[in-house]
N, C-alpha and C. Protein backbone atom coordinates (compact mmCIF):
# COMPACT_ATOMS: atom_id res chain seq x y z
N MET A 1 -29.50 118.24 -43.14
CA MET A 1 -29.95 118.49 -44.46
C MET A 1 -29.45 119.87 -44.90
N ASN A 2 -28.87 119.94 -46.06
CA ASN A 2 -28.43 121.20 -46.67
C ASN A 2 -29.63 121.92 -47.24
N ARG A 3 -29.42 123.21 -47.52
CA ARG A 3 -30.47 124.02 -48.04
C ARG A 3 -29.78 125.08 -48.89
N PRO A 4 -30.27 125.29 -50.12
CA PRO A 4 -29.64 126.32 -50.98
C PRO A 4 -29.74 127.67 -50.38
N VAL A 5 -28.70 128.53 -50.67
CA VAL A 5 -28.71 129.90 -50.27
C VAL A 5 -29.82 130.60 -51.02
N VAL A 6 -29.95 130.26 -52.30
CA VAL A 6 -31.01 130.85 -53.11
C VAL A 6 -31.31 129.87 -54.27
N VAL A 7 -32.60 129.74 -54.65
CA VAL A 7 -33.06 128.96 -55.76
C VAL A 7 -33.55 129.90 -56.84
N LEU A 8 -33.07 129.70 -58.10
CA LEU A 8 -33.48 130.50 -59.20
C LEU A 8 -34.50 129.74 -60.02
N VAL A 9 -35.63 130.42 -60.27
CA VAL A 9 -36.64 129.83 -61.19
C VAL A 9 -37.02 130.89 -62.25
N GLY A 10 -37.54 130.45 -63.32
CA GLY A 10 -37.97 131.34 -64.41
C GLY A 10 -37.96 130.52 -65.73
N PRO A 11 -38.41 131.18 -66.81
CA PRO A 11 -38.52 130.51 -68.07
C PRO A 11 -37.15 130.23 -68.71
N MET A 12 -37.23 129.34 -69.69
CA MET A 12 -35.96 129.01 -70.47
C MET A 12 -35.44 130.28 -71.13
N GLY A 13 -34.14 130.45 -71.07
CA GLY A 13 -33.50 131.57 -71.73
C GLY A 13 -33.45 132.84 -70.92
N VAL A 14 -33.96 132.85 -69.69
CA VAL A 14 -33.98 134.04 -68.87
C VAL A 14 -32.60 134.39 -68.32
N GLY A 15 -31.76 133.38 -68.24
CA GLY A 15 -30.41 133.66 -67.71
C GLY A 15 -30.14 133.03 -66.36
N LYS A 16 -30.88 132.01 -66.01
CA LYS A 16 -30.72 131.41 -64.68
C LYS A 16 -29.27 130.87 -64.49
N SER A 17 -28.72 130.24 -65.53
CA SER A 17 -27.37 129.71 -65.39
C SER A 17 -26.34 130.85 -65.26
N THR A 18 -26.45 131.83 -66.12
CA THR A 18 -25.48 132.93 -66.10
C THR A 18 -25.53 133.67 -64.77
N VAL A 19 -26.70 134.08 -64.41
CA VAL A 19 -26.95 134.80 -63.15
C VAL A 19 -26.61 133.92 -61.94
N GLY A 20 -26.94 132.68 -62.01
CA GLY A 20 -26.66 131.73 -60.91
C GLY A 20 -25.17 131.63 -60.67
N GLU A 21 -24.34 131.52 -61.73
CA GLU A 21 -22.95 131.45 -61.58
C GLU A 21 -22.35 132.73 -61.00
N LEU A 22 -22.88 133.88 -61.46
CA LEU A 22 -22.44 135.17 -60.92
C LEU A 22 -22.82 135.31 -59.44
N LEU A 23 -24.04 134.96 -59.10
CA LEU A 23 -24.49 134.99 -57.70
C LEU A 23 -23.59 134.10 -56.82
N ALA A 24 -23.31 132.90 -57.23
CA ALA A 24 -22.50 131.99 -56.50
C ALA A 24 -21.10 132.53 -56.27
N GLU A 25 -20.58 133.13 -57.33
CA GLU A 25 -19.22 133.71 -57.22
C GLU A 25 -19.23 134.93 -56.19
N ARG A 26 -20.24 135.76 -56.29
CA ARG A 26 -20.36 136.95 -55.40
C ARG A 26 -20.57 136.54 -53.95
N LEU A 27 -21.29 135.40 -53.77
CA LEU A 27 -21.63 134.93 -52.40
C LEU A 27 -20.57 133.96 -51.83
N GLY A 28 -19.63 133.55 -52.71
CA GLY A 28 -18.61 132.62 -52.23
C GLY A 28 -19.15 131.22 -51.96
N VAL A 29 -20.10 130.77 -52.79
CA VAL A 29 -20.72 129.46 -52.63
C VAL A 29 -20.70 128.71 -53.95
N GLY A 30 -21.03 127.45 -53.93
CA GLY A 30 -21.12 126.68 -55.16
C GLY A 30 -22.40 126.95 -55.96
N TYR A 31 -22.31 126.54 -57.27
CA TYR A 31 -23.43 126.75 -58.16
C TYR A 31 -23.86 125.35 -58.66
N ARG A 32 -25.11 125.09 -58.82
CA ARG A 32 -25.61 123.85 -59.34
C ARG A 32 -26.90 124.10 -60.17
N ASP A 33 -27.04 123.41 -61.32
CA ASP A 33 -28.18 123.51 -62.20
C ASP A 33 -28.75 122.15 -62.34
N THR A 34 -30.06 122.02 -62.06
CA THR A 34 -30.70 120.67 -62.11
C THR A 34 -30.77 120.16 -63.55
N ASP A 35 -30.78 121.03 -64.54
CA ASP A 35 -30.76 120.56 -65.96
C ASP A 35 -29.43 119.91 -66.21
N ASP A 36 -28.33 120.51 -65.72
CA ASP A 36 -26.98 119.86 -65.88
C ASP A 36 -26.97 118.53 -65.16
N ASP A 37 -27.53 118.42 -63.98
CA ASP A 37 -27.61 117.15 -63.22
C ASP A 37 -28.34 116.11 -64.07
N ILE A 38 -29.44 116.45 -64.70
CA ILE A 38 -30.20 115.51 -65.51
C ILE A 38 -29.38 114.99 -66.70
N VAL A 39 -28.74 115.90 -67.40
CA VAL A 39 -27.96 115.56 -68.57
C VAL A 39 -26.82 114.65 -68.14
N ALA A 40 -26.13 114.95 -67.04
CA ALA A 40 -25.02 114.11 -66.55
C ALA A 40 -25.53 112.74 -66.18
N GLU A 41 -26.63 112.66 -65.43
CA GLU A 41 -27.19 111.43 -64.96
C GLU A 41 -27.73 110.54 -66.08
N GLN A 42 -28.40 111.17 -67.06
CA GLN A 42 -29.01 110.46 -68.16
C GLN A 42 -28.10 110.15 -69.36
N GLY A 43 -26.99 110.90 -69.39
CA GLY A 43 -26.07 110.74 -70.53
C GLY A 43 -26.62 111.19 -71.83
N ARG A 44 -27.58 112.10 -71.89
CA ARG A 44 -28.13 112.58 -73.06
C ARG A 44 -28.81 113.95 -72.77
N THR A 45 -29.12 114.69 -73.89
CA THR A 45 -29.67 116.01 -73.67
C THR A 45 -31.09 115.94 -73.25
N ILE A 46 -31.57 117.06 -72.71
CA ILE A 46 -32.96 117.11 -72.31
C ILE A 46 -33.86 117.00 -73.53
N ALA A 47 -33.54 117.61 -74.62
CA ALA A 47 -34.24 117.51 -75.88
C ALA A 47 -34.40 116.04 -76.26
N ASP A 48 -33.36 115.23 -76.14
CA ASP A 48 -33.37 113.82 -76.49
C ASP A 48 -34.32 113.05 -75.57
N ILE A 49 -34.32 113.43 -74.29
CA ILE A 49 -35.25 112.73 -73.32
C ILE A 49 -36.64 113.06 -73.72
N PHE A 50 -36.96 114.32 -74.09
CA PHE A 50 -38.32 114.67 -74.55
C PHE A 50 -38.73 113.85 -75.73
N VAL A 51 -37.83 113.80 -76.73
CA VAL A 51 -38.11 113.10 -78.02
C VAL A 51 -38.31 111.58 -77.74
N ASP A 52 -37.35 111.04 -76.99
CA ASP A 52 -37.34 109.56 -76.83
C ASP A 52 -38.41 109.04 -75.87
N GLU A 53 -38.73 109.80 -74.80
CA GLU A 53 -39.60 109.30 -73.80
C GLU A 53 -40.83 110.15 -73.52
N GLY A 54 -40.82 111.39 -73.99
CA GLY A 54 -41.98 112.27 -73.78
C GLY A 54 -41.85 113.14 -72.55
N GLU A 55 -42.65 114.15 -72.52
CA GLU A 55 -42.57 115.12 -71.42
C GLU A 55 -42.88 114.51 -70.10
N PRO A 56 -43.90 113.63 -69.92
CA PRO A 56 -44.18 113.12 -68.55
C PRO A 56 -42.93 112.34 -68.00
N ALA A 57 -42.22 111.55 -68.81
CA ALA A 57 -41.06 110.85 -68.34
C ALA A 57 -39.95 111.83 -67.95
N PHE A 58 -39.78 112.89 -68.76
CA PHE A 58 -38.81 113.93 -68.38
C PHE A 58 -39.16 114.58 -67.07
N ARG A 59 -40.40 114.92 -66.91
CA ARG A 59 -40.84 115.65 -65.64
C ARG A 59 -40.61 114.74 -64.41
N ALA A 60 -40.77 113.43 -64.57
CA ALA A 60 -40.48 112.53 -63.42
C ALA A 60 -39.01 112.57 -63.11
N ILE A 61 -38.12 112.55 -64.11
CA ILE A 61 -36.68 112.58 -63.94
C ILE A 61 -36.33 113.87 -63.30
N GLU A 62 -36.94 115.00 -63.83
CA GLU A 62 -36.67 116.36 -63.29
C GLU A 62 -37.04 116.48 -61.86
N LYS A 63 -38.24 115.96 -61.50
CA LYS A 63 -38.74 116.06 -60.14
C LYS A 63 -37.70 115.42 -59.14
N ALA A 64 -37.25 114.26 -59.49
CA ALA A 64 -36.27 113.54 -58.64
C ALA A 64 -35.01 114.36 -58.53
N ALA A 65 -34.48 114.92 -59.62
CA ALA A 65 -33.23 115.72 -59.64
C ALA A 65 -33.42 116.94 -58.79
N VAL A 66 -34.59 117.62 -58.89
CA VAL A 66 -34.78 118.85 -58.07
C VAL A 66 -34.85 118.51 -56.58
N HIS A 67 -35.60 117.46 -56.29
CA HIS A 67 -35.72 117.13 -54.89
C HIS A 67 -34.35 116.77 -54.28
N ARG A 68 -33.55 116.02 -55.04
CA ARG A 68 -32.19 115.67 -54.58
C ARG A 68 -31.38 116.91 -54.38
N ALA A 69 -31.41 117.82 -55.34
CA ALA A 69 -30.53 119.02 -55.25
C ALA A 69 -31.01 119.89 -54.14
N LEU A 70 -32.27 120.03 -53.83
CA LEU A 70 -32.81 120.84 -52.78
C LEU A 70 -32.30 120.36 -51.40
N THR A 71 -32.04 119.08 -51.24
CA THR A 71 -31.60 118.56 -49.96
C THR A 71 -30.04 118.45 -49.89
N GLU A 72 -29.35 118.39 -51.05
CA GLU A 72 -27.90 118.18 -51.06
C GLU A 72 -27.12 119.45 -51.18
N HIS A 73 -27.69 120.48 -51.87
CA HIS A 73 -26.87 121.66 -52.27
C HIS A 73 -27.08 122.80 -51.32
N ASP A 74 -25.99 123.49 -50.94
CA ASP A 74 -26.08 124.62 -50.07
C ASP A 74 -25.60 125.92 -50.66
N GLY A 75 -25.55 125.95 -51.97
CA GLY A 75 -25.15 127.18 -52.64
C GLY A 75 -26.30 127.79 -53.46
N VAL A 76 -26.02 128.21 -54.68
CA VAL A 76 -26.99 128.77 -55.60
C VAL A 76 -27.46 127.60 -56.46
N LEU A 77 -28.81 127.45 -56.53
CA LEU A 77 -29.42 126.29 -57.31
C LEU A 77 -30.34 126.92 -58.38
N ALA A 78 -30.12 126.55 -59.64
CA ALA A 78 -31.01 126.92 -60.72
C ALA A 78 -31.88 125.74 -61.15
N LEU A 79 -33.17 125.93 -61.27
CA LEU A 79 -34.09 124.93 -61.69
C LEU A 79 -34.47 125.07 -63.14
N GLY A 80 -34.76 123.99 -63.85
CA GLY A 80 -35.28 124.04 -65.20
C GLY A 80 -36.57 124.81 -65.24
N GLY A 81 -36.90 125.36 -66.43
CA GLY A 81 -38.06 126.26 -66.54
C GLY A 81 -39.36 125.66 -66.11
N GLY A 82 -39.55 124.33 -66.32
CA GLY A 82 -40.79 123.66 -65.99
C GLY A 82 -40.82 122.98 -64.65
N ALA A 83 -39.77 123.06 -63.87
CA ALA A 83 -39.70 122.35 -62.59
C ALA A 83 -40.88 122.75 -61.64
N ILE A 84 -41.32 123.97 -61.75
CA ILE A 84 -42.35 124.48 -60.81
C ILE A 84 -43.75 123.97 -61.20
N LEU A 85 -43.84 123.16 -62.29
CA LEU A 85 -45.13 122.57 -62.65
C LEU A 85 -45.55 121.53 -61.63
N ASP A 86 -44.61 120.93 -60.93
CA ASP A 86 -44.89 119.84 -59.97
C ASP A 86 -45.28 120.43 -58.63
N ALA A 87 -46.44 120.04 -58.15
CA ALA A 87 -46.92 120.49 -56.83
C ALA A 87 -46.05 120.13 -55.71
N ASP A 88 -45.49 118.91 -55.68
CA ASP A 88 -44.53 118.56 -54.62
C ASP A 88 -43.31 119.45 -54.63
N THR A 89 -42.80 119.76 -55.80
CA THR A 89 -41.63 120.67 -55.90
C THR A 89 -42.01 122.02 -55.37
N ARG A 90 -43.15 122.51 -55.74
CA ARG A 90 -43.59 123.88 -55.24
C ARG A 90 -43.65 123.85 -53.69
N ALA A 91 -44.17 122.72 -53.17
CA ALA A 91 -44.26 122.61 -51.68
C ALA A 91 -42.91 122.63 -51.07
N LEU A 92 -41.92 121.94 -51.71
CA LEU A 92 -40.58 121.93 -51.18
C LEU A 92 -39.89 123.35 -51.24
N LEU A 93 -40.34 124.13 -52.18
CA LEU A 93 -39.76 125.48 -52.34
C LEU A 93 -40.35 126.44 -51.30
N ALA A 94 -41.47 126.10 -50.71
CA ALA A 94 -42.04 126.99 -49.64
C ALA A 94 -41.02 127.11 -48.49
N GLY A 95 -40.75 128.32 -48.09
CA GLY A 95 -39.80 128.53 -47.04
C GLY A 95 -38.38 128.62 -47.52
N GLN A 96 -38.11 128.42 -48.78
CA GLN A 96 -36.80 128.62 -49.38
C GLN A 96 -36.71 130.04 -49.89
N ARG A 97 -35.51 130.56 -50.05
CA ARG A 97 -35.28 131.85 -50.64
C ARG A 97 -35.24 131.62 -52.16
N VAL A 98 -36.29 132.06 -52.86
CA VAL A 98 -36.47 131.80 -54.30
C VAL A 98 -36.58 133.10 -55.08
N ALA A 99 -35.70 133.22 -56.09
CA ALA A 99 -35.74 134.39 -56.98
C ALA A 99 -36.35 133.95 -58.33
N TYR A 100 -37.40 134.60 -58.74
CA TYR A 100 -38.05 134.35 -60.05
C TYR A 100 -37.45 135.39 -61.01
N LEU A 101 -36.68 134.96 -61.97
CA LEU A 101 -36.10 135.83 -62.97
C LEU A 101 -37.14 135.90 -64.11
N SER A 102 -37.70 137.07 -64.39
CA SER A 102 -38.77 137.23 -65.37
C SER A 102 -38.25 138.01 -66.58
N MET A 103 -38.97 137.80 -67.70
CA MET A 103 -38.72 138.55 -68.95
C MET A 103 -39.94 138.50 -69.84
N ASP A 104 -40.04 139.44 -70.74
CA ASP A 104 -41.21 139.44 -71.68
C ASP A 104 -40.83 138.65 -72.92
N VAL A 105 -41.79 138.43 -73.77
CA VAL A 105 -41.61 137.58 -74.93
C VAL A 105 -40.58 138.16 -75.92
N GLU A 106 -40.56 139.47 -76.07
CA GLU A 106 -39.60 140.09 -77.00
C GLU A 106 -38.15 139.80 -76.54
N GLU A 107 -37.93 139.96 -75.19
CA GLU A 107 -36.62 139.66 -74.62
C GLU A 107 -36.30 138.13 -74.88
N ALA A 108 -37.24 137.29 -74.73
CA ALA A 108 -37.05 135.85 -74.86
C ALA A 108 -36.67 135.55 -76.30
N VAL A 109 -37.30 136.19 -77.25
CA VAL A 109 -36.98 135.95 -78.67
C VAL A 109 -35.54 136.47 -78.93
N ARG A 110 -35.17 137.58 -78.42
CA ARG A 110 -33.87 138.15 -78.65
C ARG A 110 -32.80 137.25 -78.04
N ARG A 111 -33.04 136.68 -76.87
CA ARG A 111 -32.04 135.94 -76.12
C ARG A 111 -31.89 134.50 -76.66
N THR A 112 -32.99 133.86 -76.94
CA THR A 112 -32.92 132.43 -77.22
C THR A 112 -33.03 132.12 -78.71
N GLY A 113 -33.51 133.05 -79.47
CA GLY A 113 -33.79 132.73 -80.84
C GLY A 113 -34.97 131.78 -80.93
N LEU A 114 -35.49 131.45 -79.76
CA LEU A 114 -36.66 130.53 -79.56
C LEU A 114 -36.69 129.37 -80.58
N GLY A 115 -36.31 128.23 -80.06
CA GLY A 115 -36.46 127.06 -80.88
C GLY A 115 -35.32 126.08 -80.78
N VAL A 116 -34.12 126.48 -81.02
CA VAL A 116 -33.00 125.58 -81.07
C VAL A 116 -32.82 124.89 -79.72
N ALA A 117 -32.92 123.54 -79.76
CA ALA A 117 -32.78 122.73 -78.57
C ALA A 117 -33.83 123.04 -77.48
N ARG A 118 -34.96 123.58 -77.91
CA ARG A 118 -36.05 123.91 -76.99
C ARG A 118 -37.27 123.07 -77.45
N PRO A 119 -37.36 121.88 -76.94
CA PRO A 119 -38.46 120.92 -77.48
C PRO A 119 -39.87 121.48 -77.28
N LEU A 120 -40.10 122.28 -76.28
CA LEU A 120 -41.48 122.76 -76.11
C LEU A 120 -41.80 123.98 -77.05
N LEU A 121 -40.84 124.44 -77.76
CA LEU A 121 -40.98 125.59 -78.62
C LEU A 121 -40.71 125.30 -80.12
N ALA A 122 -40.91 124.10 -80.53
CA ALA A 122 -40.54 123.66 -81.87
C ALA A 122 -41.38 124.32 -82.96
N VAL A 123 -42.61 124.55 -82.74
CA VAL A 123 -43.56 125.11 -83.74
C VAL A 123 -44.09 126.45 -83.21
N ASN A 124 -44.02 127.50 -84.03
CA ASN A 124 -44.51 128.82 -83.65
C ASN A 124 -44.01 129.23 -82.25
N PRO A 125 -42.70 129.45 -82.12
CA PRO A 125 -42.09 129.72 -80.83
C PRO A 125 -42.70 130.88 -80.04
N ARG A 126 -42.95 131.99 -80.72
CA ARG A 126 -43.53 133.14 -79.93
C ARG A 126 -44.81 132.79 -79.26
N LYS A 127 -45.72 132.17 -80.02
CA LYS A 127 -47.02 131.83 -79.50
C LYS A 127 -46.89 130.76 -78.41
N GLN A 128 -46.05 129.83 -78.59
CA GLN A 128 -45.83 128.75 -77.61
C GLN A 128 -45.24 129.34 -76.36
N TRP A 129 -44.21 130.25 -76.54
CA TRP A 129 -43.61 130.90 -75.37
C TRP A 129 -44.65 131.63 -74.51
N ARG A 130 -45.49 132.36 -75.25
CA ARG A 130 -46.54 133.13 -74.49
C ARG A 130 -47.48 132.20 -73.75
N GLU A 131 -47.91 131.10 -74.46
CA GLU A 131 -48.80 130.12 -73.80
C GLU A 131 -48.08 129.45 -72.57
N LEU A 132 -46.81 129.14 -72.71
CA LEU A 132 -46.10 128.53 -71.61
C LEU A 132 -46.07 129.49 -70.43
N MET A 133 -45.81 130.78 -70.74
CA MET A 133 -45.76 131.75 -69.61
C MET A 133 -47.08 132.04 -68.98
N GLU A 134 -48.17 131.99 -69.81
CA GLU A 134 -49.50 132.18 -69.21
C GLU A 134 -49.78 130.99 -68.28
N ALA A 135 -49.36 129.82 -68.63
CA ALA A 135 -49.61 128.64 -67.76
C ALA A 135 -48.68 128.64 -66.52
N ARG A 136 -47.51 129.27 -66.68
CA ARG A 136 -46.52 129.07 -65.59
C ARG A 136 -46.32 130.32 -64.71
N ARG A 137 -46.59 131.53 -65.22
CA ARG A 137 -46.23 132.71 -64.52
C ARG A 137 -46.73 132.73 -63.04
N HIS A 138 -47.99 132.36 -62.88
CA HIS A 138 -48.56 132.30 -61.48
C HIS A 138 -47.84 131.31 -60.59
N LEU A 139 -47.31 130.24 -61.20
CA LEU A 139 -46.52 129.29 -60.41
C LEU A 139 -45.22 129.82 -59.97
N TYR A 140 -44.52 130.48 -60.92
CA TYR A 140 -43.30 131.13 -60.59
C TYR A 140 -43.51 132.15 -59.47
N GLU A 141 -44.60 132.99 -59.61
CA GLU A 141 -44.88 133.97 -58.56
C GLU A 141 -45.24 133.30 -57.23
N GLU A 142 -45.90 132.15 -57.31
CA GLU A 142 -46.33 131.50 -56.08
C GLU A 142 -45.11 131.06 -55.26
N VAL A 143 -44.05 130.59 -55.87
CA VAL A 143 -42.93 130.09 -55.17
C VAL A 143 -41.86 131.20 -54.85
N ALA A 144 -42.01 132.33 -55.49
CA ALA A 144 -40.95 133.39 -55.45
C ALA A 144 -40.96 134.13 -54.12
N THR A 145 -39.75 134.34 -53.57
CA THR A 145 -39.55 135.28 -52.50
C THR A 145 -39.46 136.67 -53.09
N VAL A 146 -38.75 136.80 -54.21
CA VAL A 146 -38.60 138.06 -54.94
C VAL A 146 -38.72 137.77 -56.44
N VAL A 147 -39.15 138.80 -57.14
CA VAL A 147 -39.23 138.74 -58.66
C VAL A 147 -38.21 139.76 -59.15
N VAL A 148 -37.33 139.33 -60.05
CA VAL A 148 -36.33 140.23 -60.61
C VAL A 148 -36.51 140.25 -62.15
N ALA A 149 -36.87 141.39 -62.64
CA ALA A 149 -37.09 141.57 -64.06
C ALA A 149 -35.70 141.60 -64.74
N THR A 150 -35.57 140.88 -65.81
CA THR A 150 -34.24 140.83 -66.46
C THR A 150 -34.22 141.63 -67.78
N ASP A 151 -35.37 142.08 -68.21
CA ASP A 151 -35.47 142.81 -69.49
C ASP A 151 -34.51 144.03 -69.53
N GLY A 152 -33.68 144.05 -70.58
CA GLY A 152 -32.83 145.23 -70.73
C GLY A 152 -31.68 145.34 -69.71
N ARG A 153 -31.48 144.28 -68.92
CA ARG A 153 -30.42 144.36 -67.93
C ARG A 153 -29.32 143.37 -68.28
N THR A 154 -28.11 143.68 -67.99
CA THR A 154 -26.99 142.74 -68.14
C THR A 154 -27.06 141.67 -67.01
N PRO A 155 -26.41 140.57 -67.21
CA PRO A 155 -26.41 139.55 -66.10
C PRO A 155 -25.84 140.11 -64.83
N GLU A 156 -24.86 141.00 -64.95
CA GLU A 156 -24.26 141.67 -63.77
C GLU A 156 -25.36 142.53 -63.02
N GLU A 157 -26.12 143.27 -63.81
CA GLU A 157 -27.14 144.13 -63.21
C GLU A 157 -28.26 143.25 -62.59
N VAL A 158 -28.63 142.15 -63.23
CA VAL A 158 -29.63 141.25 -62.64
C VAL A 158 -29.08 140.67 -61.34
N THR A 159 -27.84 140.25 -61.33
CA THR A 159 -27.18 139.72 -60.14
C THR A 159 -27.23 140.72 -58.98
N GLU A 160 -26.91 141.98 -59.32
CA GLU A 160 -26.92 143.05 -58.29
C GLU A 160 -28.33 143.25 -57.69
N VAL A 161 -29.33 143.33 -58.59
CA VAL A 161 -30.69 143.50 -58.17
C VAL A 161 -31.11 142.34 -57.27
N ALA A 162 -30.78 141.10 -57.73
CA ALA A 162 -31.17 139.91 -56.93
C ALA A 162 -30.51 139.94 -55.57
N LEU A 163 -29.25 140.25 -55.49
CA LEU A 163 -28.58 140.34 -54.17
C LEU A 163 -29.27 141.36 -53.27
N ASP A 164 -29.59 142.51 -53.79
CA ASP A 164 -30.26 143.52 -53.02
C ASP A 164 -31.64 143.06 -52.57
N ALA A 165 -32.43 142.56 -53.53
CA ALA A 165 -33.79 142.10 -53.25
C ALA A 165 -33.84 140.99 -52.20
N LEU A 166 -32.87 140.08 -52.30
CA LEU A 166 -32.82 138.93 -51.38
C LEU A 166 -32.10 139.31 -50.06
N GLU A 167 -31.54 140.53 -50.01
CA GLU A 167 -30.81 141.02 -48.82
C GLU A 167 -29.68 140.03 -48.49
N LEU A 168 -28.96 139.62 -49.49
CA LEU A 168 -27.82 138.73 -49.33
C LEU A 168 -26.51 139.54 -49.30
N LYS A 169 -25.65 139.13 -48.45
CA LYS A 169 -24.34 139.82 -48.34
C LYS A 169 -23.25 139.01 -49.13
N GLU A 170 -22.45 139.80 -49.80
CA GLU A 170 -21.42 139.13 -50.62
C GLU A 170 -20.33 138.61 -49.70
N ALA A 171 -19.62 137.51 -50.22
CA ALA A 171 -18.56 136.91 -49.51
C ALA A 171 -17.29 137.85 -49.44
């Protein structure tokens, strides 16, 4: 069974994809994003899955995609923002090297514009983002080996901090 070198978790818009690709490049390993897996497998966007089938159906699809990726992928793996809501997924992350990329609401607003293609943030994005983070922050922290604040940092700086915090050697 394969095992990722590092798993990235954190809220939407925090930069998991960008930092994940940089980490993979620096470590000389592959990069995989479970959201991309879902879109490829389903042939439609995550927003469309939410609209067509609802959040519970999406979470079931997501859980399967995450579990598959955790056993198949041996590089850098980025999980969707809500993947940690599932208790089985959190249990699978125990013993893995997990970096929680964090940011505050002002940074989230600046980065994502909050709303476009973000089905959970369709109405009053700032308030909804805060509520999502209040509900999820402790779960991100529960699974994290390290927490890397991304506020005011470039993706390259976040990558550097993550490498140092995880004590990973570059390829």
